[in-house]
Amino acid sequence: MTGFVLGWVLFTVLTFINPGETPLLAIAPGVIFAVMFGLILLYLSGERLIVCERGILVGSVAPGIRPYAIPYQQITPGSIAGVAGANRYLKEVGLQGQIAQSTLRASWWTKNGVHFVACSAEDARRGRRRFTLALDPIPRSIDGRWIWFAGTGRRPAGAAVEAIARAASAAGYAQLAQVALDRGVVELTGNPEDAARQLPGHPPVGRGGVR
């Protein structure tokens, strides 16, 4: 939030270096920047991981956007891992600085999250075509499926994993639940060489990115 406020202040101050000919033109850029930053913040703050009875919802719940729906039967047993130090996730998987992906809901401020392997983003959209289609990644897991990561906000990663395990067990997926609980939470190092060890189902990562 602080970053967005500072960004707005910076852009507003820059407009007064060479203001418009009228007061309206002078303040208009500040108002426009405020609206733009407000909309960006709205959509970024809408990111959620919601545990439901038959699966989980991942993605933004901002107006006009529906999150991805992933049934428990589509999650690879043994692939769920709670993640601490999640701001190092993209660096560890060799995707730092690359274009965003539909299945990786990670930002530089993300502290906690859940990693797992499941169906494609296309399947999780439940048949709806969306403008994010171009952001859908190729399958990268060791079993030829899709790697997902969802931030949990201020909620500890362990609590999110426990909630998923309870719901999955109640839905009849006891193995998925038990292995997730047994694995618990991993503290990421940010070293790509540790990705295959720390993130279940992830292939080895070289220094130049994903192999």
N, C-alpha and C. Protein backbone atom coordinates (compact mmCIF):
# COMPACT_ATOMS: atom_id res chain seq x y z
N MET A 1 0.83 -1.20 0.00
CA MET A 1 0.00 0.00 0.00
C MET A 1 0.87 1.26 0.00
N THR A 2 1.92 1.26 0.83
CA THR A 2 2.81 2.41 0.91
C THR A 2 3.45 2.71 -0.44
N GLY A 3 3.84 1.64 -1.17
CA GLY A 3 4.45 1.83 -2.48
C GLY A 3 3.52 2.52 -3.46
N PHE A 4 2.23 2.16 -3.42
CA PHE A 4 1.27 2.78 -4.34
C PHE A 4 1.07 4.25 -3.99
N VAL A 5 1.02 4.56 -2.69
CA VAL A 5 0.86 5.95 -2.27
C VAL A 5 2.06 6.78 -2.71
N LEU A 6 3.26 6.26 -2.50
CA LEU A 6 4.46 6.98 -2.91
C LEU A 6 4.51 7.16 -4.42
N GLY A 7 4.07 6.13 -5.16
CA GLY A 7 4.03 6.24 -6.62
C GLY A 7 3.09 7.34 -7.07
N TRP A 8 1.91 7.41 -6.41
CA TRP A 8 0.95 8.45 -6.77
C TRP A 8 1.52 9.84 -6.46
N VAL A 9 2.15 9.98 -5.28
CA VAL A 9 2.74 11.27 -4.91
C VAL A 9 3.81 11.68 -5.92
N LEU A 10 4.65 10.72 -6.33
CA LEU A 10 5.71 11.02 -7.28
C LEU A 10 5.15 11.52 -8.60
N PHE A 11 4.18 10.78 -9.16
CA PHE A 11 3.62 11.18 -10.45
C PHE A 11 2.87 12.52 -10.33
N THR A 12 2.21 12.76 -9.20
CA THR A 12 1.50 14.02 -9.01
C THR A 12 2.46 15.19 -8.94
N VAL A 13 3.55 15.01 -8.17
CA VAL A 13 4.56 16.08 -8.06
C VAL A 13 5.17 16.38 -9.42
N LEU A 14 5.42 15.36 -10.22
CA LEU A 14 6.01 15.58 -11.54
C LEU A 14 5.11 16.43 -12.43
N THR A 15 3.80 16.30 -12.27
CA THR A 15 2.89 17.10 -13.11
C THR A 15 2.98 18.58 -12.77
N PHE A 16 3.36 18.89 -11.53
CA PHE A 16 3.44 20.31 -11.14
C PHE A 16 4.76 20.96 -11.57
N ILE A 17 5.69 20.16 -12.04
CA ILE A 17 6.93 20.74 -12.59
C ILE A 17 6.62 21.51 -13.87
N ASN A 18 5.67 20.97 -14.63
CA ASN A 18 5.23 21.65 -15.85
C ASN A 18 3.71 21.59 -15.90
N PRO A 19 3.03 22.35 -15.03
CA PRO A 19 1.57 22.25 -14.92
C PRO A 19 0.85 22.77 -16.15
N GLY A 20 -0.42 22.44 -16.23
CA GLY A 20 -1.24 22.89 -17.35
C GLY A 20 -1.55 24.38 -17.24
N GLU A 21 -2.19 24.90 -18.25
CA GLU A 21 -2.48 26.33 -18.31
C GLU A 21 -3.58 26.73 -17.35
N THR A 22 -4.43 25.82 -16.94
CA THR A 22 -5.52 26.12 -16.02
C THR A 22 -5.40 25.22 -14.79
N PRO A 23 -6.04 25.60 -13.66
CA PRO A 23 -6.01 24.75 -12.46
C PRO A 23 -6.54 23.34 -12.72
N LEU A 24 -7.56 23.24 -13.57
CA LEU A 24 -8.12 21.93 -13.87
C LEU A 24 -7.10 21.03 -14.53
N LEU A 25 -6.37 21.59 -15.50
CA LEU A 25 -5.35 20.80 -16.19
C LEU A 25 -4.19 20.44 -15.25
N ALA A 26 -3.97 21.27 -14.24
CA ALA A 26 -2.88 21.02 -13.31
C ALA A 26 -3.19 19.85 -12.38
N ILE A 27 -4.46 19.77 -11.94
CA ILE A 27 -4.81 18.71 -10.98
C ILE A 27 -5.31 17.43 -11.66
N ALA A 28 -5.70 17.54 -12.93
CA ALA A 28 -6.26 16.39 -13.63
C ALA A 28 -5.32 15.18 -13.65
N PRO A 29 -4.01 15.36 -13.95
CA PRO A 29 -3.12 14.19 -13.95
C PRO A 29 -3.07 13.49 -12.60
N GLY A 30 -3.08 14.27 -11.49
CA GLY A 30 -3.06 13.66 -10.16
C GLY A 30 -4.29 12.81 -9.91
N VAL A 31 -5.45 13.31 -10.36
CA VAL A 31 -6.70 12.56 -10.20
C VAL A 31 -6.67 11.28 -11.04
N ILE A 32 -6.18 11.41 -12.27
CA ILE A 32 -6.10 10.24 -13.15
C ILE A 32 -5.17 9.18 -12.58
N PHE A 33 -4.00 9.64 -12.08
CA PHE A 33 -3.06 8.69 -11.49
C PHE A 33 -3.66 8.02 -10.26
N ALA A 34 -4.42 8.77 -9.46
CA ALA A 34 -5.05 8.21 -8.27
C ALA A 34 -6.03 7.10 -8.65
N VAL A 35 -6.82 7.36 -9.71
CA VAL A 35 -7.78 6.34 -10.17
C VAL A 35 -7.04 5.11 -10.70
N MET A 36 -5.99 5.34 -11.48
CA MET A 36 -5.22 4.21 -12.04
C MET A 36 -4.61 3.36 -10.94
N PHE A 37 -3.93 4.01 -9.98
CA PHE A 37 -3.31 3.27 -8.90
C PHE A 37 -4.35 2.59 -8.02
N GLY A 38 -5.50 3.25 -7.84
CA GLY A 38 -6.58 2.65 -7.06
C GLY A 38 -7.10 1.37 -7.69
N LEU A 39 -7.28 1.39 -9.01
CA LEU A 39 -7.76 0.19 -9.70
C LEU A 39 -6.72 -0.93 -9.64
N ILE A 40 -5.44 -0.58 -9.82
CA ILE A 40 -4.39 -1.61 -9.73
C ILE A 40 -4.38 -2.23 -8.34
N LEU A 41 -4.45 -1.40 -7.32
CA LEU A 41 -4.45 -1.89 -5.94
C LEU A 41 -5.67 -2.76 -5.67
N LEU A 42 -6.82 -2.36 -6.20
CA LEU A 42 -8.05 -3.13 -6.01
C LEU A 42 -7.90 -4.55 -6.54
N TYR A 43 -7.36 -4.68 -7.74
CA TYR A 43 -7.25 -5.99 -8.35
C TYR A 43 -6.13 -6.83 -7.72
N LEU A 44 -5.05 -6.18 -7.30
CA LEU A 44 -3.98 -6.93 -6.64
C LEU A 44 -4.41 -7.38 -5.26
N SER A 45 -5.14 -6.54 -4.54
CA SER A 45 -5.56 -6.90 -3.18
C SER A 45 -6.68 -7.94 -3.20
N GLY A 46 -7.25 -8.20 -4.39
CA GLY A 46 -8.32 -9.19 -4.48
C GLY A 46 -7.83 -10.61 -4.58
N GLU A 47 -6.50 -10.83 -4.60
CA GLU A 47 -5.95 -12.18 -4.71
C GLU A 47 -6.30 -13.00 -3.48
N ARG A 48 -6.80 -14.21 -3.69
CA ARG A 48 -7.23 -15.06 -2.59
C ARG A 48 -6.90 -16.53 -2.85
N LEU A 49 -6.78 -17.28 -1.77
CA LEU A 49 -6.81 -18.74 -1.80
C LEU A 49 -7.95 -19.13 -0.87
N ILE A 50 -9.03 -19.62 -1.45
CA ILE A 50 -10.24 -19.93 -0.69
C ILE A 50 -10.45 -21.44 -0.67
N VAL A 51 -10.53 -21.99 0.52
CA VAL A 51 -10.73 -23.43 0.69
C VAL A 51 -12.22 -23.72 0.73
N CYS A 52 -12.67 -24.57 -0.18
CA CYS A 52 -14.08 -24.91 -0.28
C CYS A 52 -14.30 -26.40 -0.01
N GLU A 53 -15.53 -26.82 -0.05
CA GLU A 53 -15.88 -28.20 0.27
C GLU A 53 -15.32 -29.20 -0.73
N ARG A 54 -15.33 -28.86 -2.01
CA ARG A 54 -14.89 -29.81 -3.05
C ARG A 54 -13.59 -29.42 -3.75
N GLY A 55 -13.02 -28.29 -3.38
CA GLY A 55 -11.79 -27.86 -4.01
C GLY A 55 -11.38 -26.50 -3.49
N ILE A 56 -10.43 -25.88 -4.17
CA ILE A 56 -9.96 -24.56 -3.76
C ILE A 56 -10.12 -23.56 -4.90
N LEU A 57 -10.30 -22.31 -4.52
CA LEU A 57 -10.38 -21.22 -5.48
C LEU A 57 -9.10 -20.41 -5.36
N VAL A 58 -8.49 -20.11 -6.49
CA VAL A 58 -7.21 -19.40 -6.52
C VAL A 58 -7.31 -18.24 -7.50
N GLY A 59 -6.88 -17.06 -7.07
CA GLY A 59 -6.87 -15.92 -7.97
C GLY A 59 -7.61 -14.73 -7.40
N SER A 60 -7.89 -13.77 -8.25
CA SER A 60 -8.50 -12.53 -7.81
C SER A 60 -10.02 -12.64 -7.74
N VAL A 61 -10.58 -12.01 -6.70
CA VAL A 61 -12.04 -11.94 -6.57
C VAL A 61 -12.50 -10.49 -6.77
N ALA A 62 -11.66 -9.69 -7.42
CA ALA A 62 -12.01 -8.30 -7.71
C ALA A 62 -13.21 -8.26 -8.66
N PRO A 63 -13.93 -7.15 -8.71
CA PRO A 63 -15.11 -7.05 -9.57
C PRO A 63 -14.81 -7.42 -11.03
N GLY A 64 -15.66 -8.27 -11.57
CA GLY A 64 -15.52 -8.68 -12.97
C GLY A 64 -14.57 -9.83 -13.20
N ILE A 65 -13.93 -10.34 -12.14
CA ILE A 65 -12.97 -11.43 -12.29
C ILE A 65 -13.39 -12.61 -11.42
N ARG A 66 -13.29 -13.80 -11.98
CA ARG A 66 -13.59 -15.01 -11.22
C ARG A 66 -12.30 -15.79 -10.99
N PRO A 67 -12.11 -16.31 -9.79
CA PRO A 67 -10.89 -17.08 -9.52
C PRO A 67 -10.92 -18.44 -10.21
N TYR A 68 -9.78 -19.09 -10.27
CA TYR A 68 -9.67 -20.43 -10.84
C TYR A 68 -10.20 -21.44 -9.82
N ALA A 69 -10.96 -22.42 -10.30
CA ALA A 69 -11.53 -23.46 -9.43
C ALA A 69 -10.79 -24.78 -9.66
N ILE A 70 -10.18 -25.31 -8.61
CA ILE A 70 -9.37 -26.52 -8.73
C ILE A 70 -9.92 -27.59 -7.78
N PRO A 71 -10.57 -28.62 -8.31
CA PRO A 71 -11.11 -29.70 -7.46
C PRO A 71 -9.99 -30.49 -6.80
N TYR A 72 -10.27 -31.06 -5.65
CA TYR A 72 -9.25 -31.83 -4.94
C TYR A 72 -8.77 -33.03 -5.76
N GLN A 73 -9.66 -33.61 -6.55
CA GLN A 73 -9.25 -34.77 -7.35
C GLN A 73 -8.26 -34.40 -8.44
N GLN A 74 -8.13 -33.09 -8.74
CA GLN A 74 -7.19 -32.65 -9.77
C GLN A 74 -5.81 -32.29 -9.19
N ILE A 75 -5.69 -32.29 -7.87
CA ILE A 75 -4.41 -31.96 -7.24
C ILE A 75 -3.59 -33.24 -7.05
N THR A 76 -2.34 -33.23 -7.48
CA THR A 76 -1.48 -34.40 -7.36
C THR A 76 -1.15 -34.66 -5.89
N PRO A 77 -1.49 -35.84 -5.36
CA PRO A 77 -1.15 -36.17 -3.98
C PRO A 77 0.35 -36.06 -3.74
N GLY A 78 0.72 -35.43 -2.64
CA GLY A 78 2.13 -35.26 -2.32
C GLY A 78 2.74 -33.98 -2.84
N SER A 79 1.98 -33.22 -3.62
CA SER A 79 2.54 -32.00 -4.22
C SER A 79 2.26 -30.75 -3.42
N ILE A 80 1.38 -30.83 -2.42
CA ILE A 80 1.03 -29.64 -1.64
C ILE A 80 2.13 -29.33 -0.62
N ALA A 81 2.57 -28.09 -0.59
CA ALA A 81 3.56 -27.66 0.39
C ALA A 81 3.28 -26.23 0.80
N GLY A 82 3.21 -25.99 2.10
CA GLY A 82 3.13 -24.63 2.58
C GLY A 82 4.47 -23.94 2.36
N VAL A 83 4.44 -22.67 2.03
CA VAL A 83 5.67 -21.94 1.69
C VAL A 83 5.80 -20.69 2.55
N ALA A 84 6.92 -20.59 3.26
CA ALA A 84 7.30 -19.36 3.94
C ALA A 84 8.44 -18.73 3.15
N GLY A 85 8.61 -17.43 3.29
CA GLY A 85 9.59 -16.74 2.45
C GLY A 85 9.17 -16.77 1.01
N ALA A 86 7.86 -16.64 0.77
CA ALA A 86 7.31 -16.78 -0.58
C ALA A 86 7.74 -15.66 -1.52
N ASN A 87 8.27 -14.56 -0.99
CA ASN A 87 8.77 -13.51 -1.87
C ASN A 87 10.01 -13.96 -2.64
N ARG A 88 10.55 -15.14 -2.27
CA ARG A 88 11.68 -15.71 -3.00
C ARG A 88 11.24 -16.81 -3.96
N TYR A 89 9.94 -17.02 -4.09
CA TYR A 89 9.44 -18.14 -4.89
C TYR A 89 9.85 -18.02 -6.36
N LEU A 90 9.56 -16.89 -6.98
CA LEU A 90 9.86 -16.74 -8.40
C LEU A 90 11.36 -16.85 -8.68
N LYS A 91 12.16 -16.34 -7.77
CA LYS A 91 13.61 -16.45 -7.93
C LYS A 91 14.04 -17.91 -7.86
N GLU A 92 13.46 -18.65 -6.92
CA GLU A 92 13.87 -20.04 -6.74
C GLU A 92 13.46 -20.91 -7.92
N VAL A 93 12.31 -20.64 -8.53
CA VAL A 93 11.87 -21.47 -9.64
C VAL A 93 12.40 -20.97 -10.98
N GLY A 94 13.25 -19.95 -10.95
CA GLY A 94 13.89 -19.47 -12.17
C GLY A 94 13.03 -18.60 -13.05
N LEU A 95 12.02 -17.94 -12.46
CA LEU A 95 11.12 -17.12 -13.25
C LEU A 95 11.14 -15.66 -12.85
N GLN A 96 12.10 -15.26 -12.04
CA GLN A 96 12.17 -13.88 -11.61
C GLN A 96 12.40 -12.95 -12.79
N GLY A 97 11.59 -11.90 -12.87
CA GLY A 97 11.73 -10.93 -13.94
C GLY A 97 11.04 -11.33 -15.23
N GLN A 98 10.46 -12.54 -15.29
CA GLN A 98 9.76 -12.97 -16.49
C GLN A 98 8.29 -12.59 -16.42
N ILE A 99 7.59 -12.75 -17.51
CA ILE A 99 6.18 -12.39 -17.60
C ILE A 99 5.36 -13.21 -16.60
N ALA A 100 4.31 -12.59 -16.07
CA ALA A 100 3.45 -13.27 -15.10
C ALA A 100 2.79 -14.49 -15.73
N GLN A 101 2.42 -15.43 -14.88
CA GLN A 101 1.74 -16.64 -15.34
C GLN A 101 0.43 -16.81 -14.59
N SER A 102 -0.55 -17.39 -15.27
CA SER A 102 -1.87 -17.57 -14.68
C SER A 102 -1.82 -18.41 -13.41
N THR A 103 -0.93 -19.39 -13.37
CA THR A 103 -0.91 -20.34 -12.27
C THR A 103 0.00 -19.95 -11.11
N LEU A 104 0.77 -18.89 -11.27
CA LEU A 104 1.69 -18.46 -10.21
C LEU A 104 1.25 -17.09 -9.70
N ARG A 105 0.56 -17.09 -8.58
CA ARG A 105 0.01 -15.85 -8.02
C ARG A 105 0.96 -15.32 -6.95
N ALA A 106 2.16 -14.95 -7.38
CA ALA A 106 3.20 -14.50 -6.45
C ALA A 106 3.64 -13.09 -6.82
N SER A 107 3.86 -12.27 -5.79
CA SER A 107 4.35 -10.91 -5.98
C SER A 107 5.51 -10.69 -5.02
N TRP A 108 6.21 -9.57 -5.19
CA TRP A 108 7.39 -9.33 -4.37
C TRP A 108 7.04 -9.15 -2.90
N TRP A 109 5.78 -8.79 -2.59
CA TRP A 109 5.40 -8.60 -1.19
C TRP A 109 4.78 -9.87 -0.57
N THR A 110 4.62 -10.93 -1.34
CA THR A 110 4.01 -12.15 -0.82
C THR A 110 4.94 -12.83 0.17
N LYS A 111 4.45 -13.07 1.38
CA LYS A 111 5.26 -13.68 2.43
C LYS A 111 4.95 -15.16 2.62
N ASN A 112 3.70 -15.54 2.46
CA ASN A 112 3.28 -16.92 2.70
C ASN A 112 2.43 -17.41 1.54
N GLY A 113 2.46 -18.72 1.30
CA GLY A 113 1.66 -19.26 0.21
C GLY A 113 1.61 -20.77 0.22
N VAL A 114 0.97 -21.31 -0.78
CA VAL A 114 0.84 -22.76 -0.94
C VAL A 114 1.22 -23.14 -2.36
N HIS A 115 2.12 -24.09 -2.47
CA HIS A 115 2.57 -24.63 -3.75
C HIS A 115 1.91 -25.99 -3.96
N PHE A 116 1.49 -26.28 -5.20
CA PHE A 116 0.93 -27.60 -5.50
C PHE A 116 0.93 -27.83 -7.01
N VAL A 117 0.68 -29.06 -7.40
CA VAL A 117 0.61 -29.45 -8.81
C VAL A 117 -0.82 -29.88 -9.10
N ALA A 118 -1.37 -29.38 -10.20
CA ALA A 118 -2.78 -29.69 -10.50
C ALA A 118 -3.05 -29.58 -11.99
N CYS A 119 -4.32 -29.34 -12.32
CA CYS A 119 -4.77 -29.24 -13.70
C CYS A 119 -4.29 -27.92 -14.32
N SER A 120 -4.57 -27.74 -15.59
CA SER A 120 -4.16 -26.53 -16.29
C SER A 120 -5.05 -25.35 -15.90
N ALA A 121 -4.57 -24.15 -16.18
CA ALA A 121 -5.37 -22.96 -15.94
C ALA A 121 -6.63 -22.96 -16.81
N GLU A 122 -6.51 -23.49 -18.01
CA GLU A 122 -7.66 -23.57 -18.91
C GLU A 122 -8.76 -24.42 -18.30
N ASP A 123 -8.39 -25.57 -17.74
CA ASP A 123 -9.38 -26.43 -17.09
C ASP A 123 -9.95 -25.75 -15.84
N ALA A 124 -9.10 -25.06 -15.09
CA ALA A 124 -9.55 -24.41 -13.86
C ALA A 124 -10.47 -23.22 -14.13
N ARG A 125 -10.46 -22.71 -15.36
CA ARG A 125 -11.40 -21.64 -15.71
C ARG A 125 -12.79 -22.17 -15.98
N ARG A 126 -12.92 -23.47 -15.98
CA ARG A 126 -14.23 -24.13 -16.18
C ARG A 126 -14.85 -23.78 -17.53
N GLY A 127 -14.01 -23.78 -18.58
CA GLY A 127 -14.52 -23.60 -19.93
C GLY A 127 -14.65 -22.17 -20.39
N ARG A 128 -14.42 -21.21 -19.51
CA ARG A 128 -14.55 -19.81 -19.91
C ARG A 128 -13.26 -19.34 -20.58
N ARG A 129 -13.39 -18.65 -21.69
CA ARG A 129 -12.24 -18.06 -22.37
C ARG A 129 -11.98 -16.69 -21.76
N ARG A 130 -10.72 -16.42 -21.44
CA ARG A 130 -10.40 -15.16 -20.81
C ARG A 130 -9.19 -14.52 -21.45
N PHE A 131 -9.03 -13.21 -21.19
CA PHE A 131 -7.90 -12.49 -21.77
C PHE A 131 -6.58 -12.98 -21.19
N THR A 132 -6.62 -13.70 -20.06
CA THR A 132 -5.38 -14.22 -19.46
C THR A 132 -4.91 -15.49 -20.14
N LEU A 133 -5.56 -15.91 -21.20
CA LEU A 133 -5.17 -17.13 -21.89
C LEU A 133 -3.71 -17.08 -22.33
N ALA A 134 -3.26 -15.89 -22.74
CA ALA A 134 -1.87 -15.75 -23.19
C ALA A 134 -0.87 -15.95 -22.06
N LEU A 135 -1.35 -15.87 -20.81
CA LEU A 135 -0.47 -16.03 -19.65
C LEU A 135 -0.42 -17.46 -19.14
N ASP A 136 -1.18 -18.35 -19.77
CA ASP A 136 -1.20 -19.74 -19.33
C ASP A 136 0.14 -20.40 -19.64
N PRO A 137 0.79 -21.01 -18.64
CA PRO A 137 2.09 -21.63 -18.86
C PRO A 137 1.96 -23.02 -19.45
N ILE A 138 3.07 -23.56 -19.89
CA ILE A 138 3.11 -24.95 -20.34
C ILE A 138 3.24 -25.83 -19.11
N PRO A 139 2.91 -27.13 -19.20
CA PRO A 139 3.10 -28.02 -18.05
C PRO A 139 4.58 -28.15 -17.72
N ARG A 140 4.95 -27.99 -16.44
CA ARG A 140 6.35 -28.00 -16.05
C ARG A 140 6.66 -28.98 -14.92
N SER A 141 5.66 -29.62 -14.35
CA SER A 141 5.94 -30.52 -13.23
C SER A 141 6.60 -31.80 -13.74
N ILE A 142 7.18 -32.57 -12.84
CA ILE A 142 7.88 -33.79 -13.24
C ILE A 142 6.93 -34.84 -13.79
N ASP A 143 5.63 -34.70 -13.51
CA ASP A 143 4.66 -35.65 -14.06
C ASP A 143 3.88 -35.05 -15.22
N GLY A 144 4.40 -33.96 -15.80
CA GLY A 144 3.77 -33.37 -16.97
C GLY A 144 2.50 -32.60 -16.71
N ARG A 145 2.38 -32.04 -15.51
CA ARG A 145 1.19 -31.26 -15.18
C ARG A 145 1.58 -29.82 -14.88
N TRP A 146 0.70 -29.07 -14.26
CA TRP A 146 0.90 -27.63 -14.07
C TRP A 146 1.21 -27.30 -12.62
N ILE A 147 2.20 -26.44 -12.45
CA ILE A 147 2.63 -26.01 -11.12
C ILE A 147 1.87 -24.75 -10.74
N TRP A 148 1.29 -24.76 -9.53
CA TRP A 148 0.52 -23.64 -9.04
C TRP A 148 1.16 -23.07 -7.77
N PHE A 149 0.99 -21.79 -7.58
CA PHE A 149 1.36 -21.16 -6.32
C PHE A 149 0.32 -20.10 -6.01
N ALA A 150 -0.17 -20.10 -4.78
CA ALA A 150 -1.15 -19.10 -4.36
C ALA A 150 -0.73 -18.49 -3.04
N GLY A 151 -0.67 -17.17 -2.97
CA GLY A 151 -0.35 -16.50 -1.73
C GLY A 151 -1.50 -16.60 -0.76
N THR A 152 -1.19 -16.57 0.53
CA THR A 152 -2.22 -16.66 1.58
C THR A 152 -2.34 -15.37 2.37
N GLY A 153 -1.75 -14.29 1.88
CA GLY A 153 -1.85 -13.01 2.57
C GLY A 153 -1.16 -13.06 3.92
N ARG A 154 -1.83 -12.56 4.94
CA ARG A 154 -1.27 -12.57 6.29
C ARG A 154 -1.48 -13.91 6.98
N ARG A 155 -2.26 -14.77 6.37
CA ARG A 155 -2.53 -16.07 6.98
C ARG A 155 -1.30 -16.96 6.88
N PRO A 156 -0.86 -17.59 7.96
CA PRO A 156 0.31 -18.48 7.90
C PRO A 156 0.10 -19.61 6.91
N ALA A 157 1.14 -20.00 6.21
CA ALA A 157 1.03 -21.07 5.21
C ALA A 157 0.57 -22.37 5.85
N GLY A 158 1.04 -22.64 7.08
CA GLY A 158 0.65 -23.87 7.76
C GLY A 158 -0.85 -23.95 8.01
N ALA A 159 -1.44 -22.83 8.38
CA ALA A 159 -2.89 -22.80 8.63
C ALA A 159 -3.67 -23.07 7.35
N ALA A 160 -3.16 -22.54 6.22
CA ALA A 160 -3.83 -22.77 4.93
C ALA A 160 -3.75 -24.24 4.53
N VAL A 161 -2.58 -24.86 4.74
CA VAL A 161 -2.42 -26.28 4.42
C VAL A 161 -3.34 -27.13 5.29
N GLU A 162 -3.44 -26.80 6.56
CA GLU A 162 -4.32 -27.55 7.46
C GLU A 162 -5.78 -27.44 7.03
N ALA A 163 -6.18 -26.24 6.59
CA ALA A 163 -7.56 -26.05 6.13
C ALA A 163 -7.83 -26.88 4.88
N ILE A 164 -6.86 -26.89 3.95
CA ILE A 164 -7.01 -27.69 2.73
C ILE A 164 -7.09 -29.17 3.09
N ALA A 165 -6.24 -29.61 4.02
CA ALA A 165 -6.21 -31.02 4.42
C ALA A 165 -7.54 -31.43 5.05
N ARG A 166 -8.09 -30.61 5.91
CA ARG A 166 -9.38 -30.94 6.54
C ARG A 166 -10.48 -31.07 5.50
N ALA A 167 -10.55 -30.11 4.59
CA ALA A 167 -11.60 -30.14 3.57
C ALA A 167 -11.41 -31.32 2.62
N ALA A 168 -10.16 -31.57 2.21
CA ALA A 168 -9.90 -32.69 1.29
C ALA A 168 -10.22 -34.02 1.94
N SER A 169 -9.88 -34.16 3.22
CA SER A 169 -10.18 -35.40 3.94
C SER A 169 -11.69 -35.62 4.04
N ALA A 170 -12.43 -34.56 4.35
CA ALA A 170 -13.88 -34.65 4.45
C ALA A 170 -14.50 -34.99 3.11
N ALA A 171 -13.84 -34.59 2.02
CA ALA A 171 -14.35 -34.86 0.67
C ALA A 171 -13.95 -36.25 0.17
N GLY A 172 -13.19 -37.00 0.97
CA GLY A 172 -12.81 -38.36 0.59
C GLY A 172 -11.41 -38.51 0.04
N TYR A 173 -10.58 -37.48 0.15
CA TYR A 173 -9.22 -37.54 -0.38
C TYR A 173 -8.23 -37.56 0.78
N ALA A 174 -8.29 -38.65 1.52
CA ALA A 174 -7.50 -38.78 2.74
C ALA A 174 -5.99 -38.78 2.46
N GLN A 175 -5.57 -39.42 1.38
CA GLN A 175 -4.15 -39.47 1.07
C GLN A 175 -3.61 -38.07 0.77
N LEU A 176 -4.35 -37.33 -0.04
CA LEU A 176 -3.96 -35.96 -0.37
C LEU A 176 -3.80 -35.15 0.91
N ALA A 177 -4.76 -35.31 1.84
CA ALA A 177 -4.74 -34.55 3.07
C ALA A 177 -3.57 -34.93 3.97
N GLN A 178 -3.35 -36.23 4.17
CA GLN A 178 -2.33 -36.68 5.10
C GLN A 178 -0.92 -36.31 4.65
N VAL A 179 -0.64 -36.50 3.36
CA VAL A 179 0.69 -36.17 2.85
C VAL A 179 0.96 -34.67 2.96
N ALA A 180 -0.09 -33.87 2.75
CA ALA A 180 0.07 -32.41 2.87
C ALA A 180 0.42 -32.03 4.30
N LEU A 181 -0.24 -32.66 5.27
CA LEU A 181 0.04 -32.38 6.67
C LEU A 181 1.44 -32.85 7.06
N ASP A 182 1.82 -34.01 6.55
CA ASP A 182 3.15 -34.55 6.87
C ASP A 182 4.27 -33.65 6.34
N ARG A 183 4.05 -33.06 5.17
CA ARG A 183 5.09 -32.22 4.58
C ARG A 183 5.21 -30.89 5.31
N GLY A 184 4.10 -30.31 5.65
CA GLY A 184 4.13 -29.06 6.41
C GLY A 184 4.58 -27.86 5.59
N VAL A 185 5.42 -27.01 6.21
CA VAL A 185 5.83 -25.74 5.61
C VAL A 185 7.33 -25.74 5.35
N VAL A 186 7.72 -25.23 4.21
CA VAL A 186 9.14 -25.12 3.85
C VAL A 186 9.52 -23.64 3.75
N GLU A 187 10.69 -23.30 4.27
CA GLU A 187 11.22 -21.94 4.16
C GLU A 187 12.11 -21.88 2.93
N LEU A 188 11.69 -21.11 1.92
CA LEU A 188 12.44 -21.05 0.67
C LEU A 188 13.78 -20.35 0.85
N THR A 189 14.77 -20.84 0.14
CA THR A 189 16.10 -20.24 0.17
C THR A 189 16.28 -19.20 -0.93
N GLY A 190 15.49 -19.32 -2.00
CA GLY A 190 15.66 -18.44 -3.16
C GLY A 190 16.72 -18.95 -4.12
N ASN A 191 17.32 -20.08 -3.80
CA ASN A 191 18.36 -20.68 -4.65
C ASN A 191 17.70 -21.64 -5.65
N PRO A 192 17.83 -21.39 -6.96
CA PRO A 192 17.20 -22.28 -7.95
C PRO A 192 17.62 -23.74 -7.81
N GLU A 193 18.80 -23.98 -7.30
CA GLU A 193 19.25 -25.36 -7.15
C GLU A 193 18.47 -26.12 -6.08
N ASP A 194 17.71 -25.39 -5.24
CA ASP A 194 16.92 -26.02 -4.18
C ASP A 194 15.47 -26.26 -4.59
N ALA A 195 15.06 -25.78 -5.77
CA ALA A 195 13.65 -25.85 -6.16
C ALA A 195 13.11 -27.27 -6.17
N ALA A 196 13.83 -28.19 -6.78
CA ALA A 196 13.34 -29.57 -6.89
C ALA A 196 13.25 -30.23 -5.51
N ARG A 197 14.09 -29.82 -4.58
CA ARG A 197 14.09 -30.40 -3.24
C ARG A 197 13.01 -29.80 -2.36
N GLN A 198 12.79 -28.51 -2.47
CA GLN A 198 11.87 -27.83 -1.57
C GLN A 198 10.43 -27.79 -2.07
N LEU A 199 10.25 -27.85 -3.38
CA LEU A 199 8.92 -27.72 -3.96
C LEU A 199 8.53 -29.02 -4.66
N PRO A 200 7.73 -29.85 -4.02
CA PRO A 200 7.39 -31.17 -4.58
C PRO A 200 6.78 -31.08 -5.97
N GLY A 201 7.31 -31.92 -6.86
CA GLY A 201 6.82 -31.96 -8.23
C GLY A 201 7.52 -31.01 -9.16
N HIS A 202 8.37 -30.13 -8.63
CA HIS A 202 9.06 -29.17 -9.48
C HIS A 202 10.30 -29.81 -10.10
N PRO A 203 10.55 -29.58 -11.37
CA PRO A 203 11.75 -30.13 -12.02
C PRO A 203 12.99 -29.39 -11.57
N PRO A 204 14.17 -29.94 -11.82
CA PRO A 204 15.42 -29.23 -11.49
C PRO A 204 15.50 -27.90 -12.24
N VAL A 205 16.06 -26.92 -11.59
CA VAL A 205 16.20 -25.59 -12.18
C VAL A 205 17.67 -25.24 -12.26
N GLY A 206 18.12 -24.84 -13.44
CA GLY A 206 19.51 -24.41 -13.61
C GLY A 206 19.64 -22.94 -13.29
N ARG A 207 20.83 -22.43 -13.31
CA ARG A 207 21.05 -21.01 -13.02
C ARG A 207 20.44 -20.09 -14.07
N GLY A 208 20.21 -20.60 -15.27
CA GLY A 208 19.63 -19.77 -16.30
C GLY A 208 18.13 -19.85 -16.37
N GLY A 209 17.51 -20.62 -15.48
CA GLY A 209 16.06 -20.74 -15.49
C GLY A 209 15.65 -22.21 -15.45
N VAL A 210 14.36 -22.45 -15.75
CA VAL A 210 13.81 -23.79 -15.68
C VAL A 210 14.38 -24.65 -16.81
N ARG A 211 14.79 -25.83 -16.47
CA ARG A 211 15.32 -26.75 -17.50
C ARG A 211 14.18 -27.51 -18.16
